């Protein structure tokens, strides 16, 4: 139990020290061009609601 507490504390400390993620808004084409220029992958997050 003590190991789990220490692991959780270290994990929270590590997460607090990481820089905040910057989210892009705009067109998918702009985001894709920026990702290609930086050599990164592009993650698209979307949802739909029915109701």
PDB file of N, CA and C in Angstrom:
ATOM      1  N   UNK A   1       0.823  -1.189   0.000  1.00  0.00           N
ATOM      2  CA  UNK A   1       0.000   0.000   0.000  1.00  0.00           C
ATOM      3  C   UNK A   1       0.874   1.263   0.000  1.00  0.00           C
ATOM      4  N   UNK A   2       1.968   1.192   0.748  1.00  0.00           N
ATOM      5  CA  UNK A   2       2.865   2.334   0.815  1.00  0.00           C
ATOM      6  C   UNK A   2       3.525   2.588  -0.535  1.00  0.00           C
ATOM      7  N   UNK A   3       3.864   1.526  -1.251  1.00  0.00           N
ATOM      8  CA  UNK A   3       4.470   1.670  -2.569  1.00  0.00           C
ATOM      9  C   UNK A   3       3.491   2.309  -3.550  1.00  0.00           C
ATOM     10  N   UNK A   4       2.223   1.931  -3.467  1.00  0.00           N
ATOM     11  CA  UNK A   4       1.206   2.497  -4.356  1.00  0.00           C
ATOM     12  C   UNK A   4       1.028   3.990  -4.081  1.00  0.00           C
ATOM     13  N   UNK A   5       1.063   4.373  -2.826  1.00  0.00           N
ATOM     14  CA  UNK A   5       0.936   5.783  -2.470  1.00  0.00           C
ATOM     15  C   UNK A   5       2.120   6.593  -3.004  1.00  0.00           C
ATOM     16  N   UNK A   6       3.315   6.065  -2.835  1.00  0.00           N
ATOM     17  CA  UNK A   6       4.518   6.759  -3.317  1.00  0.00           C
ATOM     18  C   UNK A   6       4.486   6.850  -4.843  1.00  0.00           C
ATOM     19  N   UNK A   7       4.089   5.771  -5.513  1.00  0.00           N
ATOM     20  CA  UNK A   7       3.994   5.784  -6.963  1.00  0.00           C
ATOM     21  C   UNK A   7       2.976   6.830  -7.425  1.00  0.00           C
ATOM     22  N   UNK A   8       1.828   6.885  -6.784  1.00  0.00           N
ATOM     23  CA  UNK A   8       0.816   7.872  -7.139  1.00  0.00           C
ATOM     24  C   UNK A   8       1.296   9.294  -6.912  1.00  0.00           C
ATOM     25  N   UNK A   9       1.995   9.514  -5.822  1.00  0.00           N
ATOM     26  CA  UNK A   9       2.520  10.843  -5.523  1.00  0.00           C
ATOM     27  C   UNK A   9       3.546  11.273  -6.562  1.00  0.00           C
ATOM     28  N   UNK A  10       4.448  10.367  -6.922  1.00  0.00           N
ATOM     29  CA  UNK A  10       5.465  10.680  -7.930  1.00  0.00           C
ATOM     30  C   UNK A  10       4.799  10.940  -9.284  1.00  0.00           C
ATOM     31  N   UNK A  11       3.790  10.156  -9.620  1.00  0.00           N
ATOM     32  CA  UNK A  11       3.072  10.345 -10.875  1.00  0.00           C
ATOM     33  C   UNK A  11       2.382  11.707 -10.926  1.00  0.00           C
ATOM     34  N   UNK A  12       1.745  12.104  -9.851  1.00  0.00           N
ATOM     35  CA  UNK A  12       1.096  13.415  -9.797  1.00  0.00           C
ATOM     36  C   UNK A  12       2.119  14.546  -9.848  1.00  0.00           C
ATOM     37  N   UNK A  13       3.226  14.368  -9.194  1.00  0.00           N
ATOM     38  CA  UNK A  13       4.281  15.377  -9.219  1.00  0.00           C
ATOM     39  C   UNK A  13       4.837  15.530 -10.626  1.00  0.00           C
ATOM     40  N   UNK A  14       5.064  14.419 -11.297  1.00  0.00           N
ATOM     41  CA  UNK A  14       5.568  14.448 -12.663  1.00  0.00           C
ATOM     42  C   UNK A  14       4.571  15.130 -13.595  1.00  0.00           C
ATOM     43  N   UNK A  15       3.285  14.820 -13.453  1.00  0.00           N
ATOM     44  CA  UNK A  15       2.255  15.426 -14.299  1.00  0.00           C
ATOM     45  C   UNK A  15       2.140  16.932 -14.049  1.00  0.00           C
ATOM     46  N   UNK A  16       2.364  17.358 -12.836  1.00  0.00           N
ATOM     47  CA  UNK A  16       2.269  18.783 -12.517  1.00  0.00           C
ATOM     48  C   UNK A  16       3.431  19.571 -13.109  1.00  0.00           C
ATOM     49  N   UNK A  17       4.558  18.919 -13.304  1.00  0.00           N
ATOM     50  CA  UNK A  17       5.728  19.607 -13.821  1.00  0.00           C
ATOM     51  C   UNK A  17       5.787  19.649 -15.339  1.00  0.00           C
ATOM     52  N   UNK A  18       4.963  18.865 -16.006  1.00  0.00           N
ATOM     53  CA  UNK A  18       4.954  18.857 -17.463  1.00  0.00           C
ATOM     54  C   UNK A  18       4.296  20.133 -17.991  1.00  0.00           C
ATOM     55  N   UNK A  19       4.762  20.635 -19.104  1.00  0.00           N
ATOM     56  CA  UNK A  19       4.117  21.821 -19.668  1.00  0.00           C
ATOM     57  C   UNK A  19       2.721  21.484 -20.181  1.00  0.00           C
ATOM     58  N   UNK A  20       1.866  22.477 -20.194  1.00  0.00           N
ATOM     59  CA  UNK A  20       0.486  22.281 -20.644  1.00  0.00           C
ATOM     60  C   UNK A  20       0.459  22.013 -22.147  1.00  0.00           C
ATOM     61  N   UNK A  21      -0.462  21.183 -22.555  1.00  0.00           N
ATOM     62  CA  UNK A  21      -0.631  20.860 -23.971  1.00  0.00           C
ATOM     63  C   UNK A  21      -1.349  22.007 -24.670  1.00  0.00           C
ATOM     64  N   UNK A  22      -0.890  22.362 -25.853  1.00  0.00           N
ATOM     65  CA  UNK A  22      -1.512  23.424 -26.626  1.00  0.00           C
ATOM     66  C   UNK A  22      -2.423  22.794 -27.672  1.00  0.00           C
ATOM     67  N   UNK A  23      -3.691  23.176 -27.659  1.00  0.00           N
ATOM     68  CA  UNK A  23      -4.658  22.656 -28.608  1.00  0.00           C
ATOM     69  C   UNK A  23      -4.820  23.640 -29.745  1.00  0.00           C
ATOM     70  N   UNK A  24      -4.881  23.130 -30.942  1.00  0.00           N
ATOM     71  CA  UNK A  24      -5.072  23.967 -32.120  1.00  0.00           C
ATOM     72  C   UNK A  24      -6.548  24.031 -32.480  1.00  0.00           C
ATOM     73  N   UNK A  25      -6.970  25.154 -32.966  1.00  0.00           N
ATOM     74  CA  UNK A  25      -8.316  25.290 -33.510  1.00  0.00           C
ATOM     75  C   UNK A  25      -8.172  25.769 -34.941  1.00  0.00           C
ATOM     76  N   UNK A  26      -9.117  25.459 -35.750  1.00  0.00           N
ATOM     77  CA  UNK A  26      -9.063  25.851 -37.143  1.00  0.00           C
ATOM     78  C   UNK A  26      -9.290  24.662 -38.041  1.00  0.00           C
ATOM     79  N   UNK A  27      -8.797  24.759 -39.260  1.00  0.00           N
ATOM     80  CA  UNK A  27      -9.058  23.709 -40.232  1.00  0.00           C
ATOM     81  C   UNK A  27      -8.099  22.531 -40.044  1.00  0.00           C
ATOM     82  N   UNK A  28      -8.535  21.382 -40.522  1.00  0.00           N
ATOM     83  CA  UNK A  28      -7.718  20.178 -40.460  1.00  0.00           C
ATOM     84  C   UNK A  28      -6.496  20.330 -41.362  1.00  0.00           C
ATOM     85  N   UNK A  29      -6.668  21.000 -42.494  1.00  0.00           N
ATOM     86  CA  UNK A  29      -5.552  21.200 -43.413  1.00  0.00           C
ATOM     87  C   UNK A  29      -4.429  22.015 -42.771  1.00  0.00           C
ATOM     88  N   UNK A  30      -4.794  23.050 -42.012  1.00  0.00           N
ATOM     89  CA  UNK A  30      -3.784  23.851 -41.316  1.00  0.00           C
ATOM     90  C   UNK A  30      -3.045  23.016 -40.265  1.00  0.00           C
ATOM     91  N   UNK A  31      -3.804  22.217 -39.517  1.00  0.00           N
ATOM     92  CA  UNK A  31      -3.200  21.380 -38.480  1.00  0.00           C
ATOM     93  C   UNK A  31      -2.294  20.317 -39.104  1.00  0.00           C
ATOM     94  N   UNK A  32      -2.709  19.743 -40.221  1.00  0.00           N
ATOM     95  CA  UNK A  32      -1.902  18.741 -40.894  1.00  0.00           C
ATOM     96  C   UNK A  32      -0.604  19.344 -41.428  1.00  0.00           C
ATOM     97  N   UNK A  33      -0.684  20.544 -41.978  1.00  0.00           N
ATOM     98  CA  UNK A  33       0.516  21.215 -42.479  1.00  0.00           C
ATOM     99  C   UNK A  33       1.491  21.515 -41.339  1.00  0.00           C
ATOM    100  N   UNK A  34       0.963  21.945 -40.212  1.00  0.00           N
ATOM    101  CA  UNK A  34       1.830  22.235 -39.067  1.00  0.00           C
ATOM    102  C   UNK A  34       2.470  20.958 -38.526  1.00  0.00           C
ATOM    103  N   UNK A  35       1.706  19.876 -38.472  1.00  0.00           N
ATOM    104  CA  UNK A  35       2.239  18.604 -37.990  1.00  0.00           C
ATOM    105  C   UNK A  35       3.332  18.085 -38.921  1.00  0.00           C
ATOM    106  N   UNK A  36       3.128  18.198 -40.219  1.00  0.00           N
ATOM    107  CA  UNK A  36       4.143  17.755 -41.171  1.00  0.00           C
ATOM    108  C   UNK A  36       5.407  18.599 -41.042  1.00  0.00           C
ATOM    109  N   UNK A  37       5.251  19.896 -40.833  1.00  0.00           N
ATOM    110  CA  UNK A  37       6.411  20.780 -40.702  1.00  0.00           C
ATOM    111  C   UNK A  37       7.226  20.447 -39.454  1.00  0.00           C
ATOM    112  N   UNK A  38       6.549  19.989 -38.398  1.00  0.00           N
ATOM    113  CA  UNK A  38       7.238  19.663 -37.153  1.00  0.00           C
ATOM    114  C   UNK A  38       7.629  18.188 -37.063  1.00  0.00           C
ATOM    115  N   UNK A  39       7.217  17.401 -38.052  1.00  0.00           N
ATOM    116  CA  UNK A  39       7.528  15.971 -38.035  1.00  0.00           C
ATOM    117  C   UNK A  39       6.762  15.217 -36.973  1.00  0.00           C
ATOM    118  N   UNK A  40       5.533  15.628 -36.710  1.00  0.00           N
ATOM    119  CA  UNK A  40       4.721  15.006 -35.662  1.00  0.00           C
ATOM    120  C   UNK A  40       3.485  14.371 -36.272  1.00  0.00           C
ATOM    121  N   UNK A  41       2.844  13.522 -35.470  1.00  0.00           N
ATOM    122  CA  UNK A  41       1.585  12.919 -35.869  1.00  0.00           C
ATOM    123  C   UNK A  41       0.443  13.877 -35.542  1.00  0.00           C
ATOM    124  N   UNK A  42      -0.682  13.659 -36.173  1.00  0.00           N
ATOM    125  CA  UNK A  42      -1.859  14.500 -35.948  1.00  0.00           C
ATOM    126  C   UNK A  42      -2.947  13.658 -35.309  1.00  0.00           C
ATOM    127  N   UNK A  43      -3.460  14.108 -34.183  1.00  0.00           N
ATOM    128  CA  UNK A  43      -4.551  13.442 -33.493  1.00  0.00           C
ATOM    129  C   UNK A  43      -5.813  14.260 -33.694  1.00  0.00           C
ATOM    130  N   UNK A  44      -6.830  13.645 -34.272  1.00  0.00           N
ATOM    131  CA  UNK A  44      -8.112  14.304 -34.453  1.00  0.00           C
ATOM    132  C   UNK A  44      -9.065  13.790 -33.383  1.00  0.00           C
ATOM    133  N   UNK A  45      -9.683  14.681 -32.672  1.00  0.00           N
ATOM    134  CA  UNK A  45     -10.624  14.330 -31.624  1.00  0.00           C
ATOM    135  C   UNK A  45     -11.948  14.984 -31.951  1.00  0.00           C
ATOM    136  N   UNK A  46     -12.978  14.188 -32.131  1.00  0.00           N
ATOM    137  CA  UNK A  46     -14.285  14.729 -32.433  1.00  0.00           C
ATOM    138  C   UNK A  46     -15.346  13.819 -31.827  1.00  0.00           C
ATOM    139  N   UNK A  47     -16.559  14.334 -31.723  1.00  0.00           N
ATOM    140  CA  UNK A  47     -17.658  13.545 -31.201  1.00  0.00           C
ATOM    141  C   UNK A  47     -18.955  14.013 -31.845  1.00  0.00           C
ATOM    142  N   UNK A  48     -19.944  13.208 -31.731  1.00  0.00           N
ATOM    143  CA  UNK A  48     -21.278  13.540 -32.220  1.00  0.00           C
ATOM    144  C   UNK A  48     -22.279  13.156 -31.151  1.00  0.00           C
ATOM    145  N   UNK A  49     -23.332  13.900 -31.078  1.00  0.00           N
ATOM    146  CA  UNK A  49     -24.373  13.566 -30.114  1.00  0.00           C
ATOM    147  C   UNK A  49     -25.686  13.328 -30.868  1.00  0.00           C
ATOM    148  N   UNK A  50     -26.406  12.382 -30.420  1.00  0.00           N
ATOM    149  CA  UNK A  50     -27.714  12.119 -31.027  1.00  0.00           C
ATOM    150  C   UNK A  50     -28.779  12.399 -29.978  1.00  0.00           C
ATOM    151  N   UNK A  51     -29.686  13.199 -30.369  1.00  0.00           N
ATOM    152  CA  UNK A  51     -30.712  13.465 -29.373  1.00  0.00           C
ATOM    153  C   UNK A  51     -31.506  14.631 -29.643  1.00  0.00           C
TER     154      UNK A  51
END
